């Protein structure tokens, strides 16, 4: 066996760094508002949800989301399945409908 080729070692190090970055961005996306049912984005009505989604970007590539499925989970919770137009990453965004009542 000969010595490891430096270009192969460098390539593997770059690939590991990219995988780590993807993993870290996914963790951050799950911790951000709307990333989990425990941290929904509050909206006044379901009509606002699609507008909000079209204003959001993918944490991986900054691409726009395309809505795949919009459903009701009860108690005002709305999970919305989306997919990035650029990189194709699927994600579920969580919304909670909270009525604004006058004082």
PDB file of N, CA and C in Angstrom:
ATOM      1  N   UNK A   1       0.838  -1.181   0.000  1.00  0.00           N
ATOM      2  CA  UNK A   1       0.000   0.000   0.000  1.00  0.00           C
ATOM      3  C   UNK A   1       0.882   1.243   0.000  1.00  0.00           C
ATOM      4  N   UNK A   2       0.559   2.151  -0.843  1.00  0.00           N
ATOM      5  CA  UNK A   2       1.289   3.402  -0.902  1.00  0.00           C
ATOM      6  C   UNK A   2       0.676   4.440   0.018  1.00  0.00           C
ATOM      7  N   UNK A   3       1.240   5.609  -0.026  1.00  0.00           N
ATOM      8  CA  UNK A   3       0.697   6.711   0.779  1.00  0.00           C
ATOM      9  C   UNK A   3      -0.663   7.124   0.239  1.00  0.00           C
ATOM     10  N   UNK A   4      -1.490   7.651   1.135  1.00  0.00           N
ATOM     11  CA  UNK A   4      -2.780   8.179   0.696  1.00  0.00           C
ATOM     12  C   UNK A   4      -2.526   9.412  -0.157  1.00  0.00           C
ATOM     13  N   UNK A   5      -3.329   9.542  -1.150  1.00  0.00           N
ATOM     14  CA  UNK A   5      -3.165  10.697  -2.024  1.00  0.00           C
ATOM     15  C   UNK A   5      -3.722  11.938  -1.331  1.00  0.00           C
ATOM     16  N   UNK A   6      -2.983  13.028  -1.315  1.00  0.00           N
ATOM     17  CA  UNK A   6      -3.448  14.246  -0.651  1.00  0.00           C
ATOM     18  C   UNK A   6      -4.753  14.792  -1.237  1.00  0.00           C
ATOM     19  N   UNK A   7      -4.940  14.690  -2.557  1.00  0.00           N
ATOM     20  CA  UNK A   7      -6.168  15.224  -3.142  1.00  0.00           C
ATOM     21  C   UNK A   7      -7.392  14.441  -2.663  1.00  0.00           C
ATOM     22  N   UNK A   8      -7.237  13.140  -2.470  1.00  0.00           N
ATOM     23  CA  UNK A   8      -8.342  12.326  -1.955  1.00  0.00           C
ATOM     24  C   UNK A   8      -8.655  12.714  -0.516  1.00  0.00           C
ATOM     25  N   UNK A   9      -7.645  12.931   0.271  1.00  0.00           N
ATOM     26  CA  UNK A   9      -7.828  13.335   1.664  1.00  0.00           C
ATOM     27  C   UNK A   9      -8.519  14.688   1.743  1.00  0.00           C
ATOM     28  N   UNK A  10      -8.085  15.606   0.912  1.00  0.00           N
ATOM     29  CA  UNK A  10      -8.703  16.934   0.883  1.00  0.00           C
ATOM     30  C   UNK A  10     -10.160  16.855   0.441  1.00  0.00           C
ATOM     31  N   UNK A  11     -10.440  16.032  -0.563  1.00  0.00           N
ATOM     32  CA  UNK A  11     -11.811  15.880  -1.053  1.00  0.00           C
ATOM     33  C   UNK A  11     -12.705  15.311   0.042  1.00  0.00           C
ATOM     34  N   UNK A  12     -12.218  14.306   0.741  1.00  0.00           N
ATOM     35  CA  UNK A  12     -13.002  13.720   1.836  1.00  0.00           C
ATOM     36  C   UNK A  12     -13.251  14.731   2.949  1.00  0.00           C
ATOM     37  N   UNK A  13     -12.260  15.539   3.248  1.00  0.00           N
ATOM     38  CA  UNK A  13     -12.428  16.567   4.285  1.00  0.00           C
ATOM     39  C   UNK A  13     -13.484  17.581   3.860  1.00  0.00           C
ATOM     40  N   UNK A  14     -13.473  17.980   2.583  1.00  0.00           N
ATOM     41  CA  UNK A  14     -14.491  18.906   2.078  1.00  0.00           C
ATOM     42  C   UNK A  14     -15.881  18.277   2.136  1.00  0.00           C
ATOM     43  N   UNK A  15     -15.981  17.007   1.760  1.00  0.00           N
ATOM     44  CA  UNK A  15     -17.276  16.313   1.795  1.00  0.00           C
ATOM     45  C   UNK A  15     -17.809  16.212   3.224  1.00  0.00           C
ATOM     46  N   UNK A  16     -16.928  15.928   4.173  1.00  0.00           N
ATOM     47  CA  UNK A  16     -17.343  15.875   5.587  1.00  0.00           C
ATOM     48  C   UNK A  16     -17.824  17.238   6.057  1.00  0.00           C
ATOM     49  N   UNK A  17     -17.123  18.284   5.658  1.00  0.00           N
ATOM     50  CA  UNK A  17     -17.516  19.638   6.061  1.00  0.00           C
ATOM     51  C   UNK A  17     -18.890  19.994   5.491  1.00  0.00           C
ATOM     52  N   UNK A  18     -19.152  19.607   4.251  1.00  0.00           N
ATOM     53  CA  UNK A  18     -20.455  19.880   3.636  1.00  0.00           C
ATOM     54  C   UNK A  18     -21.548  19.103   4.363  1.00  0.00           C
ATOM     55  N   UNK A  19     -21.301  17.830   4.672  1.00  0.00           N
ATOM     56  CA  UNK A  19     -22.294  17.031   5.410  1.00  0.00           C
ATOM     57  C   UNK A  19     -22.572  17.632   6.776  1.00  0.00           C
ATOM     58  N   UNK A  20     -21.531  18.080   7.456  1.00  0.00           N
ATOM     59  CA  UNK A  20     -21.708  18.705   8.769  1.00  0.00           C
ATOM     60  C   UNK A  20     -22.524  19.990   8.658  1.00  0.00           C
ATOM     61  N   UNK A  21     -22.269  20.771   7.627  1.00  0.00           N
ATOM     62  CA  UNK A  21     -23.008  22.016   7.421  1.00  0.00           C
ATOM     63  C   UNK A  21     -24.490  21.738   7.162  1.00  0.00           C
ATOM     64  N   UNK A  22     -24.782  20.739   6.333  1.00  0.00           N
ATOM     65  CA  UNK A  22     -26.175  20.367   6.055  1.00  0.00           C
ATOM     66  C   UNK A  22     -26.859  19.928   7.343  1.00  0.00           C
ATOM     67  N   UNK A  23     -26.197  19.090   8.115  1.00  0.00           N
ATOM     68  CA  UNK A  23     -26.765  18.607   9.376  1.00  0.00           C
ATOM     69  C   UNK A  23     -27.021  19.764  10.338  1.00  0.00           C
ATOM     70  N   UNK A  24     -26.089  20.690  10.448  1.00  0.00           N
ATOM     71  CA  UNK A  24     -26.256  21.836  11.346  1.00  0.00           C
ATOM     72  C   UNK A  24     -27.391  22.747  10.886  1.00  0.00           C
ATOM     73  N   UNK A  25     -27.515  22.960   9.585  1.00  0.00           N
ATOM     74  CA  UNK A  25     -28.606  23.795   9.073  1.00  0.00           C
ATOM     75  C   UNK A  25     -29.964  23.146   9.322  1.00  0.00           C
ATOM     76  N   UNK A  26     -30.033  21.816   9.213  1.00  0.00           N
ATOM     77  CA  UNK A  26     -31.289  21.112   9.490  1.00  0.00           C
ATOM     78  C   UNK A  26     -31.657  21.223  10.968  1.00  0.00           C
ATOM     79  N   UNK A  27     -30.679  21.098  11.843  1.00  0.00           N
ATOM     80  CA  UNK A  27     -30.939  21.258  13.281  1.00  0.00           C
ATOM     81  C   UNK A  27     -31.451  22.664  13.575  1.00  0.00           C
ATOM     82  N   UNK A  28     -30.826  23.653  12.987  1.00  0.00           N
ATOM     83  CA  UNK A  28     -31.236  25.040  13.193  1.00  0.00           C
ATOM     84  C   UNK A  28     -32.649  25.282  12.656  1.00  0.00           C
ATOM     85  N   UNK A  29     -32.966  24.699  11.506  1.00  0.00           N
ATOM     86  CA  UNK A  29     -34.306  24.863  10.929  1.00  0.00           C
ATOM     87  C   UNK A  29     -35.369  24.258  11.837  1.00  0.00           C
ATOM     88  N   UNK A  30     -35.066  23.134  12.471  1.00  0.00           N
ATOM     89  CA  UNK A  30     -36.030  22.503  13.378  1.00  0.00           C
ATOM     90  C   UNK A  30     -36.208  23.300  14.661  1.00  0.00           C
ATOM     91  N   UNK A  31     -35.200  24.059  15.046  1.00  0.00           N
ATOM     92  CA  UNK A  31     -35.285  24.875  16.258  1.00  0.00           C
ATOM     93  C   UNK A  31     -35.897  26.252  16.000  1.00  0.00           C
ATOM     94  N   UNK A  32     -35.984  26.652  14.752  1.00  0.00           N
ATOM     95  CA  UNK A  32     -36.520  27.976  14.426  1.00  0.00           C
ATOM     96  C   UNK A  32     -38.050  27.954  14.445  1.00  0.00           C
ATOM     97  N   UNK A  33     -38.699  29.126  14.500  1.00  0.00           N
ATOM     98  CA  UNK A  33     -40.166  29.168  14.494  1.00  0.00           C
ATOM     99  C   UNK A  33     -40.743  28.453  13.271  1.00  0.00           C
ATOM    100  N   UNK A  34     -41.717  27.574  13.527  1.00  0.00           N
ATOM    101  CA  UNK A  34     -42.348  26.810  12.461  1.00  0.00           C
ATOM    102  C   UNK A  34     -41.663  25.498  12.155  1.00  0.00           C
ATOM    103  N   UNK A  35     -40.519  25.247  12.756  1.00  0.00           N
ATOM    104  CA  UNK A  35     -39.766  24.027  12.482  1.00  0.00           C
ATOM    105  C   UNK A  35     -40.285  22.798  13.192  1.00  0.00           C
ATOM    106  N   UNK A  36     -41.123  22.987  14.205  1.00  0.00           N
ATOM    107  CA  UNK A  36     -41.685  21.867  14.960  1.00  0.00           C
ATOM    108  C   UNK A  36     -43.035  22.279  15.525  1.00  0.00           C
ATOM    109  N   UNK A  37     -43.834  21.290  15.888  1.00  0.00           N
ATOM    110  CA  UNK A  37     -45.167  21.564  16.445  1.00  0.00           C
ATOM    111  C   UNK A  37     -45.068  22.346  17.750  1.00  0.00           C
ATOM    112  N   UNK A  38     -43.968  22.210  18.461  1.00  0.00           N
ATOM    113  CA  UNK A  38     -43.766  22.923  19.725  1.00  0.00           C
ATOM    114  C   UNK A  38     -43.463  24.404  19.509  1.00  0.00           C
ATOM    115  N   UNK A  39     -43.054  24.780  18.292  1.00  0.00           N
ATOM    116  CA  UNK A  39     -42.703  26.168  17.973  1.00  0.00           C
ATOM    117  C   UNK A  39     -43.396  26.624  16.686  1.00  0.00           C
ATOM    118  N   UNK A  40     -44.729  26.668  16.685  1.00  0.00           N
ATOM    119  CA  UNK A  40     -45.418  27.059  15.449  1.00  0.00           C
ATOM    120  C   UNK A  40     -45.317  28.562  15.188  1.00  0.00           C
ATOM    121  N   UNK A  41     -45.509  28.927  13.951  1.00  0.00           N
ATOM    122  CA  UNK A  41     -45.613  30.330  13.563  1.00  0.00           C
ATOM    123  C   UNK A  41     -47.078  30.714  13.748  1.00  0.00           C
ATOM    124  N   UNK A  42     -47.339  31.773  14.499  1.00  0.00           N
ATOM    125  CA  UNK A  42     -48.728  32.168  14.730  1.00  0.00           C
ATOM    126  C   UNK A  42     -49.215  33.061  13.591  1.00  0.00           C
ATOM    127  N   UNK A  43     -50.433  32.773  13.147  1.00  0.00           N
ATOM    128  CA  UNK A  43     -51.069  33.538  12.073  1.00  0.00           C
ATOM    129  C   UNK A  43     -52.516  33.814  12.461  1.00  0.00           C
ATOM    130  N   UNK A  44     -53.111  34.914  11.956  1.00  0.00           N
ATOM    131  CA  UNK A  44     -54.497  35.232  12.314  1.00  0.00           C
ATOM    132  C   UNK A  44     -55.534  34.367  11.597  1.00  0.00           C
ATOM    133  N   UNK A  45     -55.200  33.829  10.416  1.00  0.00           N
ATOM    134  CA  UNK A  45     -56.144  32.968   9.699  1.00  0.00           C
ATOM    135  C   UNK A  45     -55.376  32.049   8.748  1.00  0.00           C
ATOM    136  N   UNK A  46     -56.068  31.019   8.269  1.00  0.00           N
ATOM    137  CA  UNK A  46     -55.415  30.073   7.361  1.00  0.00           C
ATOM    138  C   UNK A  46     -55.091  30.709   6.005  1.00  0.00           C
ATOM    139  N   UNK A  47     -55.767  31.800   5.671  1.00  0.00           N
ATOM    140  CA  UNK A  47     -55.515  32.480   4.399  1.00  0.00           C
ATOM    141  C   UNK A  47     -54.116  33.094   4.344  1.00  0.00           C
ATOM    142  N   UNK A  48     -53.526  33.341   5.485  1.00  0.00           N
ATOM    143  CA  UNK A  48     -52.213  33.988   5.558  1.00  0.00           C
ATOM    144  C   UNK A  48     -51.072  32.977   5.412  1.00  0.00           C
ATOM    145  N   UNK A  49     -51.354  31.708   5.655  1.00  0.00           N
ATOM    146  CA  UNK A  49     -50.301  30.692   5.689  1.00  0.00           C
ATOM    147  C   UNK A  49     -49.542  30.613   4.367  1.00  0.00           C
ATOM    148  N   UNK A  50     -50.248  30.511   3.257  1.00  0.00           N
ATOM    149  CA  UNK A  50     -49.565  30.387   1.966  1.00  0.00           C
ATOM    150  C   UNK A  50     -48.735  31.623   1.640  1.00  0.00           C
ATOM    151  N   UNK A  51     -49.229  32.787   2.012  1.00  0.00           N
ATOM    152  CA  UNK A  51     -48.473  34.027   1.785  1.00  0.00           C
ATOM    153  C   UNK A  51     -47.176  33.995   2.584  1.00  0.00           C
ATOM    154  N   UNK A  52     -47.264  33.558   3.833  1.00  0.00           N
ATOM    155  CA  UNK A  52     -46.066  33.467   4.676  1.00  0.00           C
ATOM    156  C   UNK A  52     -45.052  32.486   4.087  1.00  0.00           C
ATOM    157  N   UNK A  53     -45.540  31.331   3.638  1.00  0.00           N
ATOM    158  CA  UNK A  53     -44.633  30.317   3.087  1.00  0.00           C
ATOM    159  C   UNK A  53     -43.919  30.839   1.847  1.00  0.00           C
ATOM    160  N   UNK A  54     -44.627  31.544   0.989  1.00  0.00           N
ATOM    161  CA  UNK A  54     -43.993  32.063  -0.229  1.00  0.00           C
ATOM    162  C   UNK A  54     -42.941  33.129   0.083  1.00  0.00           C
ATOM    163  N   UNK A  55     -42.974  33.694   1.270  1.00  0.00           N
ATOM    164  CA  UNK A  55     -41.965  34.663   1.684  1.00  0.00           C
ATOM    165  C   UNK A  55     -40.781  34.034   2.402  1.00  0.00           C
ATOM    166  N   UNK A  56     -40.851  32.722   2.661  1.00  0.00           N
ATOM    167  CA  UNK A  56     -39.776  32.027   3.375  1.00  0.00           C
ATOM    168  C   UNK A  56     -38.810  31.389   2.378  1.00  0.00           C
ATOM    169  N   UNK A  57     -37.584  31.127   2.848  1.00  0.00           N
ATOM    170  CA  UNK A  57     -36.588  30.474   2.002  1.00  0.00           C
ATOM    171  C   UNK A  57     -36.041  29.229   2.684  1.00  0.00           C
ATOM    172  N   UNK A  58     -35.527  28.341   1.882  1.00  0.00           N
ATOM    173  CA  UNK A  58     -34.938  27.088   2.350  1.00  0.00           C
ATOM    174  C   UNK A  58     -33.645  27.390   3.117  1.00  0.00           C
ATOM    175  N   UNK A  59     -33.447  26.787   4.296  1.00  0.00           N
ATOM    176  CA  UNK A  59     -32.213  27.036   5.035  1.00  0.00           C
ATOM    177  C   UNK A  59     -30.979  26.401   4.387  1.00  0.00           C
ATOM    178  N   UNK A  60     -31.173  25.480   3.465  1.00  0.00           N
ATOM    179  CA  UNK A  60     -30.039  24.826   2.815  1.00  0.00           C
ATOM    180  C   UNK A  60     -29.490  25.638   1.641  1.00  0.00           C
ATOM    181  N   UNK A  61     -30.415  26.176   0.806  1.00  0.00           N
ATOM    182  CA  UNK A  61     -29.942  26.803  -0.436  1.00  0.00           C
ATOM    183  C   UNK A  61     -30.565  28.167  -0.717  1.00  0.00           C
ATOM    184  N   UNK A  62     -31.418  28.659   0.184  1.00  0.00           N
ATOM    185  CA  UNK A  62     -32.109  29.939   0.011  1.00  0.00           C
ATOM    186  C   UNK A  62     -33.134  29.911  -1.130  1.00  0.00           C
ATOM    187  N   UNK A  63     -33.517  28.711  -1.584  1.00  0.00           N
ATOM    188  CA  UNK A  63     -34.544  28.584  -2.617  1.00  0.00           C
ATOM    189  C   UNK A  63     -35.932  28.822  -2.040  1.00  0.00           C
ATOM    190  N   UNK A  64     -36.912  28.936  -2.908  1.00  0.00           N
ATOM    191  CA  UNK A  64     -38.303  29.164  -2.498  1.00  0.00           C
ATOM    192  C   UNK A  64     -39.004  27.830  -2.273  1.00  0.00           C
ATOM    193  N   UNK A  65     -40.021  27.855  -1.417  1.00  0.00           N
ATOM    194  CA  UNK A  65     -40.787  26.649  -1.123  1.00  0.00           C
ATOM    195  C   UNK A  65     -41.974  26.491  -2.058  1.00  0.00           C
ATOM    196  N   UNK A  66     -42.295  25.243  -2.361  1.00  0.00           N
ATOM    197  CA  UNK A  66     -43.508  24.891  -3.087  1.00  0.00           C
ATOM    198  C   UNK A  66     -44.356  24.075  -2.115  1.00  0.00           C
ATOM    199  N   UNK A  67     -45.629  24.420  -1.968  1.00  0.00           N
ATOM    200  CA  UNK A  67     -46.510  23.729  -1.028  1.00  0.00           C
ATOM    201  C   UNK A  67     -46.928  22.390  -1.624  1.00  0.00           C
ATOM    202  N   UNK A  68     -46.719  21.321  -0.846  1.00  0.00           N
ATOM    203  CA  UNK A  68     -47.085  19.974  -1.263  1.00  0.00           C
ATOM    204  C   UNK A  68     -48.427  19.586  -0.652  1.00  0.00           C
ATOM    205  N   UNK A  69     -48.597  19.838   0.654  1.00  0.00           N
ATOM    206  CA  UNK A  69     -49.830  19.466   1.348  1.00  0.00           C
ATOM    207  C   UNK A  69     -50.065  20.418   2.510  1.00  0.00           C
ATOM    208  N   UNK A  70     -51.314  20.840   2.671  1.00  0.00           N
ATOM    209  CA  UNK A  70     -51.709  21.761   3.739  1.00  0.00           C
ATOM    210  C   UNK A  70     -52.874  21.094   4.452  1.00  0.00           C
ATOM    211  N   UNK A  71     -52.696  20.736   5.729  1.00  0.00           N
ATOM    212  CA  UNK A  71     -53.744  20.020   6.439  1.00  0.00           C
ATOM    213  C   UNK A  71     -53.968  20.599   7.821  1.00  0.00           C
ATOM    214  N   UNK A  72     -55.030  20.143   8.462  1.00  0.00           N
ATOM    215  CA  UNK A  72     -55.362  20.593   9.812  1.00  0.00           C
ATOM    216  C   UNK A  72     -55.046  19.477  10.795  1.00  0.00           C
ATOM    217  N   UNK A  73     -54.397  19.834  11.903  1.00  0.00           N
ATOM    218  CA  UNK A  73     -54.069  18.849  12.934  1.00  0.00           C
ATOM    219  C   UNK A  73     -54.891  19.085  14.190  1.00  0.00           C
ATOM    220  N   UNK A  74     -55.930  19.913  14.101  1.00  0.00           N
ATOM    221  CA  UNK A  74     -56.787  20.191  15.250  1.00  0.00           C
ATOM    222  C   UNK A  74     -56.219  21.288  16.124  1.00  0.00           C
ATOM    223  N   UNK A  75     -57.086  21.895  16.934  1.00  0.00           N
ATOM    224  CA  UNK A  75     -56.715  22.955  17.876  1.00  0.00           C
ATOM    225  C   UNK A  75     -55.974  24.109  17.207  1.00  0.00           C
ATOM    226  N   UNK A  76     -56.349  24.414  15.983  1.00  0.00           N
ATOM    227  CA  UNK A  76     -55.737  25.539  15.282  1.00  0.00           C
ATOM    228  C   UNK A  76     -54.366  25.267  14.701  1.00  0.00           C
ATOM    229  N   UNK A  77     -53.856  24.056  14.843  1.00  0.00           N
ATOM    230  CA  UNK A  77     -52.531  23.713  14.314  1.00  0.00           C
ATOM    231  C   UNK A  77     -52.644  23.305  12.849  1.00  0.00           C
ATOM    232  N   UNK A  78     -51.730  23.819  12.035  1.00  0.00           N
ATOM    233  CA  UNK A  78     -51.703  23.514  10.609  1.00  0.00           C
ATOM    234  C   UNK A  78     -50.302  23.109  10.180  1.00  0.00           C
ATOM    235  N   UNK A  79     -50.036  21.814  10.023  1.00  0.00           N
ATOM    236  CA  UNK A  79     -48.764  21.405   9.420  1.00  0.00           C
ATOM    237  C   UNK A  79     -48.847  21.545   7.901  1.00  0.00           C
ATOM    238  N   UNK A  80     -47.824  22.112   7.313  1.00  0.00           N
ATOM    239  CA  UNK A  80     -47.796  22.312   5.865  1.00  0.00           C
ATOM    240  C   UNK A  80     -46.521  21.663   5.334  1.00  0.00           C
ATOM    241  N   UNK A  81     -46.697  20.669   4.467  1.00  0.00           N
ATOM    242  CA  UNK A  81     -45.550  20.015   3.846  1.00  0.00           C
ATOM    243  C   UNK A  81     -45.123  20.833   2.642  1.00  0.00           C
ATOM    244  N   UNK A  82     -43.844  21.164   2.601  1.00  0.00           N
ATOM    245  CA  UNK A  82     -43.293  21.958   1.505  1.00  0.00           C
ATOM    246  C   UNK A  82     -42.063  21.262   0.942  1.00  0.00           C
ATOM    247  N   UNK A  83     -41.662  21.684  -0.236  1.00  0.00           N
ATOM    248  CA  UNK A  83     -40.451  21.175  -0.879  1.00  0.00           C
ATOM    249  C   UNK A  83     -39.759  22.360  -1.531  1.00  0.00           C
ATOM    250  N   UNK A  84     -38.452  22.410  -1.392  1.00  0.00           N
ATOM    251  CA  UNK A  84     -37.678  23.497  -1.988  1.00  0.00           C
ATOM    252  C   UNK A  84     -37.644  23.331  -3.508  1.00  0.00           C
ATOM    253  N   UNK A  85     -37.894  24.428  -4.225  1.00  0.00           N
ATOM    254  CA  UNK A  85     -37.843  24.400  -5.689  1.00  0.00           C
ATOM    255  C   UNK A  85     -36.429  24.179  -6.213  1.00  0.00           C
ATOM    256  N   UNK A  86     -35.430  24.626  -5.474  1.00  0.00           N
ATOM    257  CA  UNK A  86     -34.052  24.556  -5.954  1.00  0.00           C
ATOM    258  C   UNK A  86     -33.376  23.227  -5.612  1.00  0.00           C
ATOM    259  N   UNK A  87     -33.354  22.858  -4.325  1.00  0.00           N
ATOM    260  CA  UNK A  87     -32.611  21.658  -3.920  1.00  0.00           C
ATOM    261  C   UNK A  87     -33.508  20.452  -3.661  1.00  0.00           C
ATOM    262  N   UNK A  88     -34.827  20.659  -3.595  1.00  0.00           N
ATOM    263  CA  UNK A  88     -35.755  19.548  -3.420  1.00  0.00           C
ATOM    264  C   UNK A  88     -35.898  19.039  -2.001  1.00  0.00           C
ATOM    265  N   UNK A  89     -35.334  19.733  -1.029  1.00  0.00           N
ATOM    266  CA  UNK A  89     -35.417  19.295   0.360  1.00  0.00           C
ATOM    267  C   UNK A  89     -36.853  19.402   0.865  1.00  0.00           C
ATOM    268  N   UNK A  90     -37.411  18.282   1.372  1.00  0.00           N
ATOM    269  CA  UNK A  90     -38.763  18.353   1.945  1.00  0.00           C
ATOM    270  C   UNK A  90     -38.706  18.857   3.379  1.00  0.00           C
ATOM    271  N   UNK A  91     -39.773  19.516   3.803  1.00  0.00           N
ATOM    272  CA  UNK A  91     -39.822  20.059   5.156  1.00  0.00           C
ATOM    273  C   UNK A  91     -41.283  20.210   5.555  1.00  0.00           C
ATOM    274  N   UNK A  92     -41.570  20.103   6.841  1.00  0.00           N
ATOM    275  CA  UNK A  92     -42.903  20.390   7.357  1.00  0.00           C
ATOM    276  C   UNK A  92     -42.811  21.653   8.189  1.00  0.00           C
ATOM    277  N   UNK A  93     -43.614  22.645   7.825  1.00  0.00           N
ATOM    278  CA  UNK A  93     -43.680  23.897   8.571  1.00  0.00           C
ATOM    279  C   UNK A  93     -44.964  23.885   9.391  1.00  0.00           C
ATOM    280  N   UNK A  94     -44.881  24.367  10.625  1.00  0.00           N
ATOM    281  CA  UNK A  94     -46.016  24.353  11.536  1.00  0.00           C
ATOM    282  C   UNK A  94     -46.536  25.758  11.777  1.00  0.00           C
ATOM    283  N   UNK A  95     -47.854  25.892  11.700  1.00  0.00           N
ATOM    284  CA  UNK A  95     -48.531  27.164  11.939  1.00  0.00           C
ATOM    285  C   UNK A  95     -49.628  26.957  12.970  1.00  0.00           C
ATOM    286  N   UNK A  96     -49.927  28.002  13.726  1.00  0.00           N
ATOM    287  CA  UNK A  96     -51.031  27.973  14.680  1.00  0.00           C
ATOM    288  C   UNK A  96     -51.902  29.189  14.412  1.00  0.00           C
ATOM    289  N   UNK A  97     -53.188  28.924  14.190  1.00  0.00           N
ATOM    290  CA  UNK A  97     -54.134  30.005  13.932  1.00  0.00           C
ATOM    291  C   UNK A  97     -54.592  30.559  15.272  1.00  0.00           C
ATOM    292  N   UNK A  98     -54.299  31.845  15.487  1.00  0.00           N
ATOM    293  CA  UNK A  98     -54.664  32.536  16.725  1.00  0.00           C
ATOM    294  C   UNK A  98     -55.496  33.742  16.330  1.00  0.00           C
ATOM    295  N   UNK A  99     -56.735  33.753  16.771  1.00  0.00           N
ATOM    296  CA  UNK A  99     -57.628  34.860  16.426  1.00  0.00           C
ATOM    297  C   UNK A  99     -57.236  36.106  17.202  1.00  0.00           C
ATOM    298  N   UNK A 100     -57.220  37.220  16.502  1.00  0.00           N
ATOM    299  CA  UNK A 100     -56.983  38.513  17.149  1.00  0.00           C
ATOM    300  C   UNK A 100     -58.331  39.056  17.603  1.00  0.00           C
ATOM    301  N   UNK A 101     -58.562  39.043  18.903  1.00  0.00           N
ATOM    302  CA  UNK A 101     -59.820  39.550  19.446  1.00  0.00           C
ATOM    303  C   UNK A 101     -59.657  41.001  19.865  1.00  0.00           C
ATOM    304  N   UNK A 102     -60.669  41.832  19.623  1.00  0.00           N
ATOM    305  CA  UNK A 102     -60.561  43.242  20.039  1.00  0.00           C
ATOM    306  C   UNK A 102     -60.572  43.358  21.562  1.00  0.00           C
ATOM    307  N   UNK A 103     -59.922  44.382  22.073  1.00  0.00           N
ATOM    308  CA  UNK A 103     -59.873  44.594  23.530  1.00  0.00           C
ATOM    309  C   UNK A 103     -61.178  45.111  24.050  1.00  0.00           C
TER     310      UNK A 103
END
